Amino acid sequence: MIKTRSLFATLAAATLLAGLGAGSTTALVAAGTQAQDQSRSDQGEARREMRAGNQLSLSQIENRILPTMRGAEYLGPSYDSTARAYRLKFIRNGRVTYIDVDARTGRIINRSN
């Protein structure tokens, strides 16, 4: 799911860049590269912490949370290495809901509607 979304984001960015000037293009490419680097860093950190036994895997988190969100479409996760938390994104009836989950315990720490 994440790789597919990354591909779509890359294609959308490339389309946008094609219509912009060279100066704007450079700034957008740099910003996109930084975001991708941070995402890779966060994913690597999550993997290291999970292997060390310090936190739950994404699939364990999803197995706990997804059944509580019946009727909503699961849009995917993101990971915050600083907070050691996953943010799971859902949509139902046009409304987006974020569920923040402590990666160490699997507890829901925040829910936004």
PDB file of N, CA and C in Angstrom:
ATOM      1  N   MET A   1       0.832  -1.198   0.000  1.00  0.00           N
ATOM      2  CA  MET A   1       0.000   0.000   0.000  1.00  0.00           C
ATOM      3  C   MET A   1       0.868   1.250   0.000  1.00  0.00           C
ATOM      4  N   ILE A   2       1.917   1.252   0.826  1.00  0.00           N
ATOM      5  CA  ILE A   2       2.775   2.425   0.932  1.00  0.00           C
ATOM      6  C   ILE A   2       3.510   2.657  -0.376  1.00  0.00           C
ATOM      7  N   LYS A   3       4.028   1.562  -0.993  1.00  0.00           N
ATOM      8  CA  LYS A   3       4.766   1.720  -2.237  1.00  0.00           C
ATOM      9  C   LYS A   3       3.864   2.254  -3.340  1.00  0.00           C
ATOM     10  N   THR A   4       2.630   1.777  -3.403  1.00  0.00           N
ATOM     11  CA  THR A   4       1.691   2.260  -4.409  1.00  0.00           C
ATOM     12  C   THR A   4       1.430   3.740  -4.220  1.00  0.00           C
ATOM     13  N   ARG A   5       1.209   4.148  -2.975  1.00  0.00           N
ATOM     14  CA  ARG A   5       0.944   5.552  -2.712  1.00  0.00           C
ATOM     15  C   ARG A   5       2.173   6.394  -3.067  1.00  0.00           C
ATOM     16  N   SER A   6       3.384   5.880  -2.787  1.00  0.00           N
ATOM     17  CA  SER A   6       4.602   6.607  -3.121  1.00  0.00           C
ATOM     18  C   SER A   6       4.715   6.795  -4.627  1.00  0.00           C
ATOM     19  N   LEU A   7       4.344   5.769  -5.379  1.00  0.00           N
ATOM     20  CA  LEU A   7       4.386   5.865  -6.830  1.00  0.00           C
ATOM     21  C   LEU A   7       3.419   6.929  -7.316  1.00  0.00           C
ATOM     22  N   PHE A   8       2.200   6.928  -6.778  1.00  0.00           N
ATOM     23  CA  PHE A   8       1.223   7.939  -7.171  1.00  0.00           C
ATOM     24  C   PHE A   8       1.697   9.334  -6.786  1.00  0.00           C
ATOM     25  N   ALA A   9       2.271   9.473  -5.612  1.00  0.00           N
ATOM     26  CA  ALA A   9       2.768  10.776  -5.169  1.00  0.00           C
ATOM     27  C   ALA A   9       3.890  11.250  -6.081  1.00  0.00           C
ATOM     28  N   THR A  10       4.771  10.331  -6.476  1.00  0.00           N
ATOM     29  CA  THR A  10       5.870  10.684  -7.368  1.00  0.00           C
ATOM     30  C   THR A  10       5.342  11.115  -8.730  1.00  0.00           C
ATOM     31  N   LEU A  11       4.364  10.370  -9.253  1.00  0.00           N
ATOM     32  CA  LEU A  11       3.791  10.730 -10.551  1.00  0.00           C
ATOM     33  C   LEU A  11       3.076  12.076 -10.487  1.00  0.00           C
ATOM     34  N   ALA A  12       2.341  12.316  -9.406  1.00  0.00           N
ATOM     35  CA  ALA A  12       1.644  13.594  -9.250  1.00  0.00           C
ATOM     36  C   ALA A  12       2.643  14.733  -9.160  1.00  0.00           C
ATOM     37  N   ALA A  13       3.719  14.522  -8.417  1.00  0.00           N
ATOM     38  CA  ALA A  13       4.743  15.561  -8.286  1.00  0.00           C
ATOM     39  C   ALA A  13       5.403  15.827  -9.635  1.00  0.00           C
ATOM     40  N   ALA A  14       5.673  14.771 -10.400  1.00  0.00           N
ATOM     41  CA  ALA A  14       6.300  14.943 -11.707  1.00  0.00           C
ATOM     42  C   ALA A  14       5.392  15.727 -12.645  1.00  0.00           C
ATOM     43  N   THR A  15       4.104  15.441 -12.601  1.00  0.00           N
ATOM     44  CA  THR A  15       3.148  16.172 -13.427  1.00  0.00           C
ATOM     45  C   THR A  15       3.112  17.640 -13.040  1.00  0.00           C
ATOM     46  N   LEU A  16       3.090  17.904 -11.744  1.00  0.00           N
ATOM     47  CA  LEU A  16       3.085  19.279 -11.258  1.00  0.00           C
ATOM     48  C   LEU A  16       4.362  19.999 -11.662  1.00  0.00           C
ATOM     49  N   LEU A  17       5.482  19.323 -11.537  1.00  0.00           N
ATOM     50  CA  LEU A  17       6.770  19.938 -11.861  1.00  0.00           C
ATOM     51  C   LEU A  17       6.875  20.296 -13.341  1.00  0.00           C
ATOM     52  N   ALA A  18       6.248  19.501 -14.183  1.00  0.00           N
ATOM     53  CA  ALA A  18       6.312  19.757 -15.616  1.00  0.00           C
ATOM     54  C   ALA A  18       5.720  21.112 -15.971  1.00  0.00           C
ATOM     55  N   GLY A  19       4.780  21.587 -15.169  1.00  0.00           N
ATOM     56  CA  GLY A  19       4.131  22.860 -15.459  1.00  0.00           C
ATOM     57  C   GLY A  19       4.745  24.045 -14.737  1.00  0.00           C
ATOM     58  N   LEU A  20       5.786  23.845 -13.955  1.00  0.00           N
ATOM     59  CA  LEU A  20       6.384  24.933 -13.185  1.00  0.00           C
ATOM     60  C   LEU A  20       7.719  25.369 -13.775  1.00  0.00           C
ATOM     61  N   GLY A  21       8.170  26.538 -13.359  1.00  0.00           N
ATOM     62  CA  GLY A  21       9.469  27.050 -13.791  1.00  0.00           C
ATOM     63  C   GLY A  21      10.607  26.322 -13.112  1.00  0.00           C
ATOM     64  N   ALA A  22      11.822  26.510 -13.598  1.00  0.00           N
ATOM     65  CA  ALA A  22      12.990  25.795 -13.095  1.00  0.00           C
ATOM     66  C   ALA A  22      13.267  26.085 -11.624  1.00  0.00           C
ATOM     67  N   GLY A  23      13.143  27.323 -11.180  1.00  0.00           N
ATOM     68  CA  GLY A  23      13.412  27.664  -9.781  1.00  0.00           C
ATOM     69  C   GLY A  23      12.451  26.977  -8.841  1.00  0.00           C
ATOM     70  N   SER A  24      11.180  27.000  -9.181  1.00  0.00           N
ATOM     71  CA  SER A  24      10.170  26.340  -8.357  1.00  0.00           C
ATOM     72  C   SER A  24      10.370  24.834  -8.371  1.00  0.00           C
ATOM     73  N   THR A  25      10.771  24.311  -9.515  1.00  0.00           N
ATOM     74  CA  THR A  25      10.993  22.882  -9.653  1.00  0.00           C
ATOM     75  C   THR A  25      12.066  22.408  -8.688  1.00  0.00           C
ATOM     76  N   THR A  26      13.160  23.130  -8.610  1.00  0.00           N
ATOM     77  CA  THR A  26      14.255  22.745  -7.727  1.00  0.00           C
ATOM     78  C   THR A  26      13.802  22.707  -6.276  1.00  0.00           C
ATOM     79  N   ALA A  27      13.050  23.700  -5.845  1.00  0.00           N
ATOM     80  CA  ALA A  27      12.576  23.757  -4.462  1.00  0.00           C
ATOM     81  C   ALA A  27      11.627  22.605  -4.161  1.00  0.00           C
ATOM     82  N   LEU A  28      10.724  22.299  -5.087  1.00  0.00           N
ATOM     83  CA  LEU A  28       9.774  21.217  -4.864  1.00  0.00           C
ATOM     84  C   LEU A  28      10.460  19.859  -4.840  1.00  0.00           C
ATOM     85  N   VAL A  29      11.429  19.654  -5.717  1.00  0.00           N
ATOM     86  CA  VAL A  29      12.162  18.392  -5.734  1.00  0.00           C
ATOM     87  C   VAL A  29      12.920  18.213  -4.427  1.00  0.00           C
ATOM     88  N   ALA A  30      13.567  19.277  -3.946  1.00  0.00           N
ATOM     89  CA  ALA A  30      14.309  19.202  -2.688  1.00  0.00           C
ATOM     90  C   ALA A  30      13.376  18.873  -1.526  1.00  0.00           C
ATOM     91  N   ALA A  31      12.213  19.515  -1.479  1.00  0.00           N
ATOM     92  CA  ALA A  31      11.253  19.259  -0.402  1.00  0.00           C
ATOM     93  C   ALA A  31      10.736  17.824  -0.470  1.00  0.00           C
ATOM     94  N   GLY A  32      10.447  17.352  -1.671  1.00  0.00           N
ATOM     95  CA  GLY A  32       9.973  15.980  -1.838  1.00  0.00           C
ATOM     96  C   GLY A  32      11.023  14.961  -1.435  1.00  0.00           C
ATOM     97  N   THR A  33      12.276  15.231  -1.774  1.00  0.00           N
ATOM     98  CA  THR A  33      13.370  14.338  -1.416  1.00  0.00           C
ATOM     99  C   THR A  33      13.547  14.275   0.094  1.00  0.00           C
ATOM    100  N   GLN A  34      13.459  15.415   0.769  1.00  0.00           N
ATOM    101  CA  GLN A  34      13.579  15.432   2.229  1.00  0.00           C
ATOM    102  C   GLN A  34      12.458  14.630   2.877  1.00  0.00           C
ATOM    103  N   ALA A  35      11.251  14.768   2.381  1.00  0.00           N
ATOM    104  CA  ALA A  35      10.112  14.030   2.938  1.00  0.00           C
ATOM    105  C   ALA A  35      10.305  12.528   2.747  1.00  0.00           C
ATOM    106  N   GLN A  36      10.784  12.118   1.573  1.00  0.00           N
ATOM    107  CA  GLN A  36      11.023  10.701   1.324  1.00  0.00           C
ATOM    108  C   GLN A  36      12.128  10.171   2.227  1.00  0.00           C
ATOM    109  N   ASP A  37      13.200  10.954   2.399  1.00  0.00           N
ATOM    110  CA  ASP A  37      14.292  10.540   3.280  1.00  0.00           C
ATOM    111  C   ASP A  37      13.801  10.362   4.708  1.00  0.00           C
ATOM    112  N   GLN A  38      12.968  11.289   5.199  1.00  0.00           N
ATOM    113  CA  GLN A  38      12.435  11.184   6.562  1.00  0.00           C
ATOM    114  C   GLN A  38      11.540   9.960   6.688  1.00  0.00           C
ATOM    115  N   SER A  39      10.724   9.705   5.675  1.00  0.00           N
ATOM    116  CA  SER A  39       9.840   8.547   5.695  1.00  0.00           C
ATOM    117  C   SER A  39      10.650   7.254   5.756  1.00  0.00           C
ATOM    118  N   ARG A  40      11.706   7.166   4.957  1.00  0.00           N
ATOM    119  CA  ARG A  40      12.566   5.979   4.974  1.00  0.00           C
ATOM    120  C   ARG A  40      13.239   5.822   6.329  1.00  0.00           C
ATOM    121  N   SER A  41      13.700   6.936   6.887  1.00  0.00           N
ATOM    122  CA  SER A  41      14.343   6.913   8.201  1.00  0.00           C
ATOM    123  C   SER A  41      13.367   6.422   9.266  1.00  0.00           C
ATOM    124  N   ASP A  42      12.136   6.929   9.242  1.00  0.00           N
ATOM    125  CA  ASP A  42      11.117   6.511  10.205  1.00  0.00           C
ATOM    126  C   ASP A  42      10.786   5.029  10.045  1.00  0.00           C
ATOM    127  N   GLN A  43      10.685   4.566   8.801  1.00  0.00           N
ATOM    128  CA  GLN A  43      10.380   3.160   8.562  1.00  0.00           C
ATOM    129  C   GLN A  43      11.509   2.272   9.078  1.00  0.00           C
ATOM    130  N   GLY A  44      12.745   2.693   8.837  1.00  0.00           N
ATOM    131  CA  GLY A  44      13.899   1.942   9.331  1.00  0.00           C
ATOM    132  C   GLY A  44      13.931   1.892  10.846  1.00  0.00           C
ATOM    133  N   GLU A  45      13.624   3.013  11.474  1.00  0.00           N
ATOM    134  CA  GLU A  45      13.578   3.080  12.939  1.00  0.00           C
ATOM    135  C   GLU A  45      12.495   2.150  13.481  1.00  0.00           C
ATOM    136  N   ALA A  46      11.333   2.147  12.854  1.00  0.00           N
ATOM    137  CA  ALA A  46      10.238   1.262  13.281  1.00  0.00           C
ATOM    138  C   ALA A  46      10.674  -0.197  13.187  1.00  0.00           C
ATOM    139  N   ARG A  47      11.333  -0.543  12.099  1.00  0.00           N
ATOM    140  CA  ARG A  47      11.798  -1.914  11.897  1.00  0.00           C
ATOM    141  C   ARG A  47      12.823  -2.309  12.969  1.00  0.00           C
ATOM    142  N   ARG A  48      13.779  -1.415  13.252  1.00  0.00           N
ATOM    143  CA  ARG A  48      14.798  -1.707  14.271  1.00  0.00           C
ATOM    144  C   ARG A  48      14.163  -1.900  15.654  1.00  0.00           C
ATOM    145  N   GLU A  49      13.245  -1.023  16.009  1.00  0.00           N
ATOM    146  CA  GLU A  49      12.589  -1.109  17.319  1.00  0.00           C
ATOM    147  C   GLU A  49      11.747  -2.377  17.441  1.00  0.00           C
ATOM    148  N   MET A  50      11.100  -2.761  16.359  1.00  0.00           N
ATOM    149  CA  MET A  50      10.279  -3.970  16.374  1.00  0.00           C
ATOM    150  C   MET A  50      11.176  -5.202  16.515  1.00  0.00           C
ATOM    151  N   ARG A  51      12.267  -5.249  15.766  1.00  0.00           N
ATOM    152  CA  ARG A  51      13.189  -6.387  15.851  1.00  0.00           C
ATOM    153  C   ARG A  51      13.834  -6.490  17.230  1.00  0.00           C
ATOM    154  N   ALA A  52      14.057  -5.351  17.865  1.00  0.00           N
ATOM    155  CA  ALA A  52      14.652  -5.339  19.209  1.00  0.00           C
ATOM    156  C   ALA A  52      13.628  -5.708  20.282  1.00  0.00           C
ATOM    157  N   GLY A  53      12.368  -5.851  19.886  1.00  0.00           N
ATOM    158  CA  GLY A  53      11.327  -6.208  20.841  1.00  0.00           C
ATOM    159  C   GLY A  53      10.803  -5.035  21.647  1.00  0.00           C
ATOM    160  N   ASN A  54      11.109  -3.823  21.187  1.00  0.00           N
ATOM    161  CA  ASN A  54      10.682  -2.622  21.908  1.00  0.00           C
ATOM    162  C   ASN A  54       9.302  -2.130  21.511  1.00  0.00           C
ATOM    163  N   GLN A  55       8.786  -2.635  20.397  1.00  0.00           N
ATOM    164  CA  GLN A  55       7.464  -2.196  19.966  1.00  0.00           C
ATOM    165  C   GLN A  55       6.817  -3.243  19.088  1.00  0.00           C
ATOM    166  N   LEU A  56       5.529  -3.068  18.879  1.00  0.00           N
ATOM    167  CA  LEU A  56       4.741  -3.983  18.067  1.00  0.00           C
ATOM    168  C   LEU A  56       4.971  -3.711  16.584  1.00  0.00           C
ATOM    169  N   SER A  57       4.748  -4.732  15.770  1.00  0.00           N
ATOM    170  CA  SER A  57       4.847  -4.553  14.321  1.00  0.00           C
ATOM    171  C   SER A  57       3.596  -3.836  13.813  1.00  0.00           C
ATOM    172  N   LEU A  58       3.698  -3.290  12.619  1.00  0.00           N
ATOM    173  CA  LEU A  58       2.544  -2.631  12.011  1.00  0.00           C
ATOM    174  C   LEU A  58       1.383  -3.608  11.865  1.00  0.00           C
ATOM    175  N   SER A  59       1.670  -4.839  11.460  1.00  0.00           N
ATOM    176  CA  SER A  59       0.569  -5.801  11.286  1.00  0.00           C
ATOM    177  C   SER A  59      -0.121  -6.104  12.618  1.00  0.00           C
ATOM    178  N   GLN A  60       0.629  -6.137  13.722  1.00  0.00           N
ATOM    179  CA  GLN A  60       0.001  -6.340  15.032  1.00  0.00           C
ATOM    180  C   GLN A  60      -0.906  -5.157  15.385  1.00  0.00           C
ATOM    181  N   ILE A  61      -0.424  -3.951  15.104  1.00  0.00           N
ATOM    182  CA  ILE A  61      -1.221  -2.744  15.362  1.00  0.00           C
ATOM    183  C   ILE A  61      -2.494  -2.780  14.513  1.00  0.00           C
ATOM    184  N   GLU A  62      -2.331  -3.063  13.212  1.00  0.00           N
ATOM    185  CA  GLU A  62      -3.487  -3.100  12.312  1.00  0.00           C
ATOM    186  C   GLU A  62      -4.492  -4.167  12.747  1.00  0.00           C
ATOM    187  N   ASN A  63      -3.999  -5.333  13.180  1.00  0.00           N
ATOM    188  CA  ASN A  63      -4.905  -6.402  13.625  1.00  0.00           C
ATOM    189  C   ASN A  63      -5.737  -5.983  14.828  1.00  0.00           C
ATOM    190  N   ARG A  64      -5.230  -5.075  15.636  1.00  0.00           N
ATOM    191  CA  ARG A  64      -5.977  -4.583  16.794  1.00  0.00           C
ATOM    192  C   ARG A  64      -6.966  -3.481  16.411  1.00  0.00           C
ATOM    193  N   ILE A  65      -6.571  -2.607  15.494  1.00  0.00           N
ATOM    194  CA  ILE A  65      -7.352  -1.396  15.221  1.00  0.00           C
ATOM    195  C   ILE A  65      -8.375  -1.582  14.101  1.00  0.00           C
ATOM    196  N   LEU A  66      -7.999  -2.239  13.013  1.00  0.00           N
ATOM    197  CA  LEU A  66      -8.902  -2.339  11.867  1.00  0.00           C
ATOM    198  C   LEU A  66     -10.276  -2.908  12.213  1.00  0.00           C
ATOM    199  N   PRO A  67     -10.384  -3.941  13.052  1.00  0.00           N
ATOM    200  CA  PRO A  67     -11.725  -4.454  13.377  1.00  0.00           C
ATOM    201  C   PRO A  67     -12.614  -3.430  14.083  1.00  0.00           C
ATOM    202  N   THR A  68     -12.026  -2.445  14.727  1.00  0.00           N
ATOM    203  CA  THR A  68     -12.829  -1.430  15.421  1.00  0.00           C
ATOM    204  C   THR A  68     -13.345  -0.358  14.472  1.00  0.00           C
ATOM    205  N   MET A  69     -12.881  -0.383  13.226  1.00  0.00           N
ATOM    206  CA  MET A  69     -13.246   0.650  12.250  1.00  0.00           C
ATOM    207  C   MET A  69     -14.072   0.071  11.103  1.00  0.00           C
ATOM    208  N   ARG A  70     -14.937  -0.865  11.409  1.00  0.00           N
ATOM    209  CA  ARG A  70     -15.790  -1.469  10.367  1.00  0.00           C
ATOM    210  C   ARG A  70     -16.624  -0.401   9.687  1.00  0.00           C
ATOM    211  N   GLY A  71     -16.752  -0.546   8.386  1.00  0.00           N
ATOM    212  CA  GLY A  71     -17.520   0.416   7.614  1.00  0.00           C
ATOM    213  C   GLY A  71     -16.679   1.570   7.096  1.00  0.00           C
ATOM    214  N   ALA A  72     -15.435   1.656   7.551  1.00  0.00           N
ATOM    215  CA  ALA A  72     -14.530   2.708   7.084  1.00  0.00           C
ATOM    216  C   ALA A  72     -13.490   2.081   6.162  1.00  0.00           C
ATOM    217  N   GLU A  73     -13.057   2.842   5.182  1.00  0.00           N
ATOM    218  CA  GLU A  73     -11.997   2.388   4.289  1.00  0.00           C
ATOM    219  C   GLU A  73     -10.651   2.756   4.902  1.00  0.00           C
ATOM    220  N   TYR A  74      -9.763   1.779   4.990  1.00  0.00           N
ATOM    221  CA  TYR A  74      -8.424   1.997   5.537  1.00  0.00           C
ATOM    222  C   TYR A  74      -7.538   2.567   4.441  1.00  0.00           C
ATOM    223  N   LEU A  75      -6.988   3.755   4.678  1.00  0.00           N
ATOM    224  CA  LEU A  75      -6.165   4.428   3.678  1.00  0.00           C
ATOM    225  C   LEU A  75      -4.679   4.186   3.874  1.00  0.00           C
ATOM    226  N   GLY A  76      -4.285   3.696   5.053  1.00  0.00           N
ATOM    227  CA  GLY A  76      -2.893   3.361   5.266  1.00  0.00           C
ATOM    228  C   GLY A  76      -2.286   3.994   6.498  1.00  0.00           C
ATOM    229  N   PRO A  77      -1.031   3.582   6.799  1.00  0.00           N
ATOM    230  CA  PRO A  77      -0.354   4.045   8.002  1.00  0.00           C
ATOM    231  C   PRO A  77       0.750   5.056   7.713  1.00  0.00           C
ATOM    232  N   SER A  78       1.165   5.732   8.762  1.00  0.00           N
ATOM    233  CA  SER A  78       2.433   6.466   8.768  1.00  0.00           C
ATOM    234  C   SER A  78       3.033   6.232  10.141  1.00  0.00           C
ATOM    235  N   TYR A  79       4.343   6.453  10.262  1.00  0.00           N
ATOM    236  CA  TYR A  79       5.027   6.196  11.523  1.00  0.00           C
ATOM    237  C   TYR A  79       5.815   7.423  11.926  1.00  0.00           C
ATOM    238  N   ASP A  80       5.726   7.784  13.186  1.00  0.00           N
ATOM    239  CA  ASP A  80       6.480   8.908  13.746  1.00  0.00           C
ATOM    240  C   ASP A  80       7.510   8.327  14.705  1.00  0.00           C
ATOM    241  N   SER A  81       8.790   8.343  14.294  1.00  0.00           N
ATOM    242  CA  SER A  81       9.831   7.729  15.118  1.00  0.00           C
ATOM    243  C   SER A  81      10.086   8.500  16.403  1.00  0.00           C
ATOM    244  N   THR A  82       9.836   9.795  16.409  1.00  0.00           N
ATOM    245  CA  THR A  82      10.033  10.589  17.620  1.00  0.00           C
ATOM    246  C   THR A  82       9.015  10.202  18.685  1.00  0.00           C
ATOM    247  N   ALA A  83       7.760  10.090  18.285  1.00  0.00           N
ATOM    248  CA  ALA A  83       6.689   9.733  19.226  1.00  0.00           C
ATOM    249  C   ALA A  83       6.560   8.225  19.410  1.00  0.00           C
ATOM    250  N   ARG A  84       7.217   7.462  18.532  1.00  0.00           N
ATOM    251  CA  ARG A  84       7.056   6.009  18.491  1.00  0.00           C
ATOM    252  C   ARG A  84       5.576   5.650  18.421  1.00  0.00           C
ATOM    253  N   ALA A  85       4.943   6.221  17.415  1.00  0.00           N
ATOM    254  CA  ALA A  85       3.506   6.016  17.243  1.00  0.00           C
ATOM    255  C   ALA A  85       3.171   5.842  15.768  1.00  0.00           C
ATOM    256  N   TYR A  86       2.184   5.011  15.519  1.00  0.00           N
ATOM    257  CA  TYR A  86       1.627   4.864  14.181  1.00  0.00           C
ATOM    258  C   TYR A  86       0.385   5.730  14.090  1.00  0.00           C
ATOM    259  N   ARG A  87       0.163   6.296  12.919  1.00  0.00           N
ATOM    260  CA  ARG A  87      -1.081   7.007  12.628  1.00  0.00           C
ATOM    261  C   ARG A  87      -1.751   6.235  11.500  1.00  0.00           C
ATOM    262  N   LEU A  88      -2.925   5.687  11.807  1.00  0.00           N
ATOM    263  CA  LEU A  88      -3.698   4.955  10.813  1.00  0.00           C
ATOM    264  C   LEU A  88      -4.794   5.879  10.301  1.00  0.00           C
ATOM    265  N   LYS A  89      -4.952   5.921   8.988  1.00  0.00           N
ATOM    266  CA  LYS A  89      -5.884   6.858   8.361  1.00  0.00           C
ATOM    267  C   LYS A  89      -7.050   6.085   7.742  1.00  0.00           C
ATOM    268  N   PHE A  90      -8.259   6.554   8.041  1.00  0.00           N
ATOM    269  CA  PHE A  90      -9.491   5.930   7.547  1.00  0.00           C
ATOM    270  C   PHE A  90     -10.395   7.001   6.949  1.00  0.00           C
ATOM    271  N   ILE A  91     -11.319   6.573   6.072  1.00  0.00           N
ATOM    272  CA  ILE A  91     -12.340   7.484   5.566  1.00  0.00           C
ATOM    273  C   ILE A  91     -13.679   6.757   5.593  1.00  0.00           C
ATOM    274  N   ARG A  92     -14.696   7.465   6.041  1.00  0.00           N
ATOM    275  CA  ARG A  92     -16.066   6.936   6.077  1.00  0.00           C
ATOM    276  C   ARG A  92     -17.010   8.090   5.792  1.00  0.00           C
ATOM    277  N   ASN A  93     -17.881   7.911   4.817  1.00  0.00           N
ATOM    278  CA  ASN A  93     -18.863   8.943   4.452  1.00  0.00           C
ATOM    279  C   ASN A  93     -18.203  10.296   4.193  1.00  0.00           C
ATOM    280  N   GLY A  94     -17.053  10.272   3.549  1.00  0.00           N
ATOM    281  CA  GLY A  94     -16.365  11.510   3.187  1.00  0.00           C
ATOM    282  C   GLY A  94     -15.595  12.168   4.320  1.00  0.00           C
ATOM    283  N   ARG A  95     -15.591  11.558   5.496  1.00  0.00           N
ATOM    284  CA  ARG A  95     -14.874  12.126   6.654  1.00  0.00           C
ATOM    285  C   ARG A  95     -13.638  11.289   6.961  1.00  0.00           C
ATOM    286  N   VAL A  96     -12.510  11.969   7.118  1.00  0.00           N
ATOM    287  CA  VAL A  96     -11.250  11.300   7.428  1.00  0.00           C
ATOM    288  C   VAL A  96     -11.094  11.199   8.945  1.00  0.00           C
ATOM    289  N   THR A  97     -10.663  10.034   9.387  1.00  0.00           N
ATOM    290  CA  THR A  97     -10.384   9.803  10.804  1.00  0.00           C
ATOM    291  C   THR A  97      -8.951   9.304  10.932  1.00  0.00           C
ATOM    292  N   TYR A  98      -8.216   9.885  11.874  1.00  0.00           N
ATOM    293  CA  TYR A  98      -6.867   9.435  12.188  1.00  0.00           C
ATOM    294  C   TYR A  98      -6.894   8.758  13.548  1.00  0.00           C
ATOM    295  N   ILE A  99      -6.271   7.592  13.627  1.00  0.00           N
ATOM    296  CA  ILE A  99      -6.123   6.885  14.894  1.00  0.00           C
ATOM    297  C   ILE A  99      -4.623   6.822  15.178  1.00  0.00           C
ATOM    298  N   ASP A 100      -4.185   7.470  16.255  1.00  0.00           N
ATOM    299  CA  ASP A 100      -2.784   7.431  16.668  1.00  0.00           C
ATOM    300  C   ASP A 100      -2.630   6.325  17.701  1.00  0.00           C
ATOM    301  N   VAL A 101      -1.651   5.446  17.463  1.00  0.00           N
ATOM    302  CA  VAL A 101      -1.473   4.267  18.301  1.00  0.00           C
ATOM    303  C   VAL A 101      -0.035   4.209  18.802  1.00  0.00           C
ATOM    304  N   ASP A 102       0.128   4.041  20.106  1.00  0.00           N
ATOM    305  CA  ASP A 102       1.449   3.873  20.706  1.00  0.00           C
ATOM    306  C   ASP A 102       2.031   2.558  20.190  1.00  0.00           C
ATOM    307  N   ALA A 103       3.165   2.626  19.505  1.00  0.00           N
ATOM    308  CA  ALA A 103       3.756   1.434  18.900  1.00  0.00           C
ATOM    309  C   ALA A 103       4.307   0.469  19.946  1.00  0.00           C
ATOM    310  N   ARG A 104       4.587   0.955  21.136  1.00  0.00           N
ATOM    311  CA  ARG A 104       5.126   0.087  22.188  1.00  0.00           C
ATOM    312  C   ARG A 104       4.046  -0.755  22.849  1.00  0.00           C
ATOM    313  N   THR A 105       2.854  -0.187  23.006  1.00  0.00           N
ATOM    314  CA  THR A 105       1.799  -0.873  23.760  1.00  0.00           C
ATOM    315  C   THR A 105       0.595  -1.274  22.917  1.00  0.00           C
ATOM    316  N   GLY A 106       0.409  -0.622  21.775  1.00  0.00           N
ATOM    317  CA  GLY A 106      -0.771  -0.865  20.955  1.00  0.00           C
ATOM    318  C   GLY A 106      -1.984  -0.077  21.410  1.00  0.00           C
ATOM    319  N   ARG A 107      -1.819   0.770  22.428  1.00  0.00           N
ATOM    320  CA  ARG A 107      -2.930   1.584  22.939  1.00  0.00           C
ATOM    321  C   ARG A 107      -3.219   2.755  22.011  1.00  0.00           C
ATOM    322  N   ILE A 108      -4.494   3.067  21.843  1.00  0.00           N
ATOM    323  CA  ILE A 108      -4.885   4.263  21.097  1.00  0.00           C
ATOM    324  C   ILE A 108      -4.566   5.464  21.974  1.00  0.00           C
ATOM    325  N   ILE A 109      -3.782   6.402  21.424  1.00  0.00           N
ATOM    326  CA  ILE A 109      -3.416   7.586  22.197  1.00  0.00           C
ATOM    327  C   ILE A 109      -4.147   8.837  21.724  1.00  0.00           C
ATOM    328  N   ASN A 110      -4.716   8.768  20.527  1.00  0.00           N
ATOM    329  CA  ASN A 110      -5.496   9.902  20.032  1.00  0.00           C
ATOM    330  C   ASN A 110      -6.365   9.437  18.874  1.00  0.00           C
ATOM    331  N   ARG A 111      -7.500  10.085  18.761  1.00  0.00           N
ATOM    332  CA  ARG A 111      -8.421   9.797  17.655  1.00  0.00           C
ATOM    333  C   ARG A 111      -9.011  11.120  17.207  1.00  0.00           C
ATOM    334  N   SER A 112      -8.887  11.414  15.920  1.00  0.00           N
ATOM    335  CA  SER A 112      -9.454  12.662  15.404  1.00  0.00           C
ATOM    336  C   SER A 112     -10.513  12.343  14.371  1.00  0.00           C
ATOM    337  N   ASN A 113     -11.521  13.175  14.317  1.00  0.00           N
ATOM    338  CA  ASN A 113     -12.607  12.986  13.337  1.00  0.00           C
ATOM    339  C   ASN A 113     -12.645  14.151  12.400  1.00  0.00           C
TER     340      ASN A 113
END
